[in-house]
Amino acid sequence: MAGAASNAFGLIMRPNNVKARTGAANKVALEAERAKDTFEREVQDLERKMKRQRTDVSTTEANEEMPADVGDLDLADHCRHATR
């Protein structure tokens, strides 16, 4: 009879154990989702910074390579600078 009583108690307690494990799993999943969102924001910020730096560098390079007085360029010089 003691075996039947412990089995009955186990069956009664099983839903409580499942609820507790489900709650713990949901908490871990929520923390993982938040960490993923934070990581994605950091990646987007870095991509924006890299894009801005590339734009700044290419603008600086273009300004350094073009002669101060572009009116003195002949067609060959103008084409060479335009394709850079």
N, C-alpha and C. Protein backbone atom coordinates (compact mmCIF):
# COMPACT_ATOMS: atom_id res chain seq x y z
N MET A 1 0.81 -1.18 0.00
CA MET A 1 0.00 0.00 0.00
C MET A 1 0.86 1.26 0.00
N ALA A 2 2.01 1.17 0.64
CA ALA A 2 2.89 2.34 0.69
C ALA A 2 3.37 2.70 -0.70
N GLY A 3 3.59 1.68 -1.54
CA GLY A 3 4.02 1.93 -2.91
C GLY A 3 2.96 2.67 -3.70
N ALA A 4 1.71 2.31 -3.52
CA ALA A 4 0.61 2.96 -4.23
C ALA A 4 0.46 4.39 -3.77
N ALA A 5 0.68 4.63 -2.48
CA ALA A 5 0.54 5.98 -1.93
C ALA A 5 1.64 6.88 -2.47
N SER A 6 2.88 6.35 -2.56
CA SER A 6 3.97 7.18 -3.07
C SER A 6 3.78 7.45 -4.56
N ASN A 7 3.24 6.48 -5.31
CA ASN A 7 2.95 6.70 -6.73
C ASN A 7 1.88 7.76 -6.91
N ALA A 8 0.86 7.73 -6.06
CA ALA A 8 -0.22 8.72 -6.14
C ALA A 8 0.33 10.10 -5.81
N PHE A 9 1.17 10.17 -4.78
CA PHE A 9 1.76 11.45 -4.41
C PHE A 9 2.64 11.98 -5.54
N GLY A 10 3.39 11.07 -6.18
CA GLY A 10 4.23 11.47 -7.31
C GLY A 10 3.41 12.00 -8.46
N LEU A 11 2.28 11.36 -8.73
CA LEU A 11 1.41 11.83 -9.81
C LEU A 11 0.80 13.19 -9.49
N ILE A 12 0.48 13.39 -8.22
CA ILE A 12 -0.08 14.68 -7.81
C ILE A 12 0.97 15.79 -7.92
N MET A 13 2.21 15.49 -7.58
CA MET A 13 3.27 16.49 -7.56
C MET A 13 3.87 16.73 -8.96
N ARG A 14 3.68 15.81 -9.87
CA ARG A 14 4.27 15.93 -11.20
C ARG A 14 3.91 17.24 -11.89
N PRO A 15 2.64 17.67 -11.93
CA PRO A 15 2.33 18.95 -12.59
C PRO A 15 3.07 20.14 -11.95
N ASN A 16 3.27 20.10 -10.64
CA ASN A 16 4.00 21.18 -9.97
C ASN A 16 5.46 21.20 -10.44
N ASN A 17 6.05 20.01 -10.58
CA ASN A 17 7.43 19.93 -11.04
C ASN A 17 7.54 20.44 -12.48
N VAL A 18 6.58 20.07 -13.30
CA VAL A 18 6.58 20.51 -14.70
C VAL A 18 6.44 22.02 -14.78
N LYS A 19 5.55 22.57 -13.97
CA LYS A 19 5.36 24.02 -13.96
C LYS A 19 6.64 24.74 -13.52
N ALA A 20 7.30 24.20 -12.51
CA ALA A 20 8.53 24.82 -12.03
C ALA A 20 9.62 24.76 -13.09
N ARG A 21 9.75 23.61 -13.74
CA ARG A 21 10.77 23.47 -14.80
C ARG A 21 10.44 24.34 -16.00
N THR A 22 9.16 24.44 -16.33
CA THR A 22 8.74 25.29 -17.45
C THR A 22 9.04 26.76 -17.13
N GLY A 23 8.76 27.15 -15.92
CA GLY A 23 9.05 28.54 -15.51
C GLY A 23 10.54 28.83 -15.58
N ALA A 24 11.36 27.90 -15.13
CA ALA A 24 12.81 28.08 -15.19
C ALA A 24 13.30 28.14 -16.64
N ALA A 25 12.75 27.28 -17.47
CA ALA A 25 13.14 27.27 -18.89
C ALA A 25 12.73 28.58 -19.56
N ASN A 26 11.55 29.08 -19.26
CA ASN A 26 11.11 30.36 -19.83
C ASN A 26 12.00 31.51 -19.38
N LYS A 27 12.45 31.47 -18.13
CA LYS A 27 13.33 32.52 -17.62
C LYS A 27 14.67 32.49 -18.38
N VAL A 28 15.20 31.31 -18.57
CA VAL A 28 16.47 31.17 -19.31
C VAL A 28 16.29 31.64 -20.76
N ALA A 29 15.16 31.28 -21.37
CA ALA A 29 14.90 31.69 -22.75
C ALA A 29 14.77 33.21 -22.86
N LEU A 30 14.13 33.84 -21.89
CA LEU A 30 13.99 35.29 -21.89
C LEU A 30 15.35 35.97 -21.75
N GLU A 31 16.18 35.46 -20.87
CA GLU A 31 17.53 36.02 -20.70
C GLU A 31 18.34 35.86 -21.98
N ALA A 32 18.22 34.72 -22.64
CA ALA A 32 18.93 34.49 -23.90
C ALA A 32 18.44 35.44 -24.98
N GLU A 33 17.16 35.67 -25.04
CA GLU A 33 16.58 36.60 -26.03
C GLU A 33 17.08 38.02 -25.78
N ARG A 34 17.14 38.42 -24.53
CA ARG A 34 17.66 39.76 -24.20
C ARG A 34 19.13 39.88 -24.58
N ALA A 35 19.91 38.84 -24.30
CA ALA A 35 21.34 38.87 -24.66
C ALA A 35 21.50 38.95 -26.17
N LYS A 36 20.67 38.21 -26.91
CA LYS A 36 20.71 38.25 -28.39
C LYS A 36 20.39 39.65 -28.90
N ASP A 37 19.36 40.28 -28.33
CA ASP A 37 18.97 41.62 -28.75
C ASP A 37 20.09 42.63 -28.47
N THR A 38 20.73 42.51 -27.32
CA THR A 38 21.84 43.39 -26.98
C THR A 38 22.99 43.20 -27.96
N PHE A 39 23.31 41.95 -28.26
CA PHE A 39 24.38 41.65 -29.21
C PHE A 39 24.07 42.22 -30.59
N GLU A 40 22.83 42.06 -31.05
CA GLU A 40 22.45 42.58 -32.37
C GLU A 40 22.55 44.10 -32.42
N ARG A 41 22.17 44.78 -31.33
CA ARG A 41 22.30 46.25 -31.28
C ARG A 41 23.76 46.66 -31.35
N GLU A 42 24.63 45.94 -30.64
CA GLU A 42 26.06 46.25 -30.66
C GLU A 42 26.64 46.04 -32.06
N VAL A 43 26.21 44.98 -32.75
CA VAL A 43 26.68 44.72 -34.11
C VAL A 43 26.23 45.85 -35.04
N GLN A 44 24.97 46.27 -34.92
CA GLN A 44 24.47 47.36 -35.76
C GLN A 44 25.24 48.66 -35.49
N ASP A 45 25.53 48.94 -34.23
CA ASP A 45 26.30 50.14 -33.90
C ASP A 45 27.69 50.08 -34.53
N LEU A 46 28.34 48.93 -34.42
CA LEU A 46 29.67 48.78 -35.01
C LEU A 46 29.63 48.91 -36.53
N GLU A 47 28.60 48.34 -37.16
CA GLU A 47 28.48 48.46 -38.61
C GLU A 47 28.30 49.90 -39.03
N ARG A 48 27.49 50.66 -38.28
CA ARG A 48 27.31 52.08 -38.59
C ARG A 48 28.61 52.85 -38.44
N LYS A 49 29.35 52.56 -37.37
CA LYS A 49 30.64 53.24 -37.15
C LYS A 49 31.63 52.90 -38.26
N MET A 50 31.68 51.64 -38.68
CA MET A 50 32.59 51.24 -39.74
C MET A 50 32.22 51.91 -41.06
N LYS A 51 30.92 51.98 -41.34
CA LYS A 51 30.47 52.61 -42.58
C LYS A 51 30.83 54.09 -42.57
N ARG A 52 30.64 54.74 -41.43
CA ARG A 52 30.97 56.16 -41.29
C ARG A 52 32.47 56.37 -41.48
N GLN A 53 33.29 55.49 -40.91
CA GLN A 53 34.74 55.62 -41.05
C GLN A 53 35.16 55.41 -42.49
N ARG A 54 34.56 54.44 -43.17
CA ARG A 54 34.90 54.22 -44.59
C ARG A 54 34.55 55.44 -45.41
N THR A 55 33.40 56.04 -45.14
CA THR A 55 32.98 57.23 -45.87
C THR A 55 33.94 58.38 -45.58
N ASP A 56 34.32 58.56 -44.33
CA ASP A 56 35.25 59.62 -43.97
C ASP A 56 36.59 59.42 -44.65
N VAL A 57 37.09 58.19 -44.66
CA VAL A 57 38.39 57.90 -45.27
C VAL A 57 38.33 58.13 -46.78
N SER A 58 37.27 57.65 -47.43
CA SER A 58 37.20 57.81 -48.88
C SER A 58 37.06 59.28 -49.26
N THR A 59 36.35 60.06 -48.47
CA THR A 59 36.22 61.49 -48.73
C THR A 59 37.56 62.18 -48.55
N THR A 60 38.29 61.81 -47.51
CA THR A 60 39.61 62.39 -47.26
C THR A 60 40.56 62.03 -48.39
N GLU A 61 40.56 60.76 -48.80
CA GLU A 61 41.45 60.34 -49.88
C GLU A 61 41.11 61.08 -51.17
N ALA A 62 39.84 61.23 -51.46
CA ALA A 62 39.44 61.92 -52.69
C ALA A 62 39.90 63.37 -52.66
N ASN A 63 39.78 63.99 -51.50
CA ASN A 63 40.19 65.39 -51.39
C ASN A 63 41.70 65.54 -51.50
N GLU A 64 42.45 64.58 -51.00
CA GLU A 64 43.90 64.66 -51.05
C GLU A 64 44.44 64.41 -52.46
N GLU A 65 43.74 63.56 -53.23
CA GLU A 65 44.24 63.20 -54.54
C GLU A 65 43.87 64.22 -55.60
N MET A 66 42.76 64.93 -55.43
CA MET A 66 42.35 65.92 -56.42
C MET A 66 43.22 67.16 -56.29
N PRO A 67 43.66 67.68 -57.38
CA PRO A 67 44.42 68.93 -57.32
C PRO A 67 43.54 70.06 -56.83
N ALA A 68 44.15 71.06 -56.24
CA ALA A 68 43.40 72.18 -55.69
C ALA A 68 42.63 72.91 -56.80
N ASP A 69 43.23 73.05 -57.94
CA ASP A 69 42.57 73.75 -59.03
C ASP A 69 42.18 72.74 -60.11
N VAL A 70 40.96 72.24 -60.04
CA VAL A 70 40.53 71.22 -60.99
C VAL A 70 40.33 71.79 -62.38
N GLY A 71 40.27 73.09 -62.51
CA GLY A 71 40.11 73.71 -63.81
C GLY A 71 41.31 73.50 -64.71
N ASP A 72 42.49 73.19 -64.12
CA ASP A 72 43.70 72.99 -64.91
C ASP A 72 43.87 71.55 -65.39
N LEU A 73 42.94 70.66 -65.05
CA LEU A 73 43.07 69.27 -65.46
C LEU A 73 42.75 69.12 -66.94
N ASP A 74 43.52 68.26 -67.60
CA ASP A 74 43.14 67.91 -68.97
C ASP A 74 42.19 66.72 -68.90
N LEU A 75 41.68 66.29 -70.02
CA LEU A 75 40.68 65.22 -70.05
C LEU A 75 41.21 63.92 -69.44
N ALA A 76 42.45 63.56 -69.71
CA ALA A 76 43.03 62.32 -69.18
C ALA A 76 43.13 62.38 -67.66
N ASP A 77 43.60 63.51 -67.13
CA ASP A 77 43.68 63.65 -65.66
C ASP A 77 42.30 63.60 -65.03
N HIS A 78 41.37 64.30 -65.65
CA HIS A 78 40.01 64.31 -65.11
C HIS A 78 39.42 62.90 -65.08
N CYS A 79 39.59 62.13 -66.14
CA CYS A 79 39.08 60.75 -66.19
C CYS A 79 39.76 59.87 -65.15
N ARG A 80 41.06 60.04 -64.97
CA ARG A 80 41.80 59.24 -63.99
C ARG A 80 41.29 59.53 -62.58
N HIS A 81 41.07 60.79 -62.25
CA HIS A 81 40.58 61.15 -60.92
C HIS A 81 39.13 60.74 -60.73
N ALA A 82 38.36 60.83 -61.77
CA ALA A 82 36.92 60.49 -61.66
C ALA A 82 36.72 59.00 -61.41
N THR A 83 37.60 58.15 -61.90
CA THR A 83 37.43 56.71 -61.73
C THR A 83 37.96 56.19 -60.42
N ARG A 84 38.59 57.02 -59.63
CA ARG A 84 39.13 56.56 -58.34
C ARG A 84 38.07 56.46 -57.31
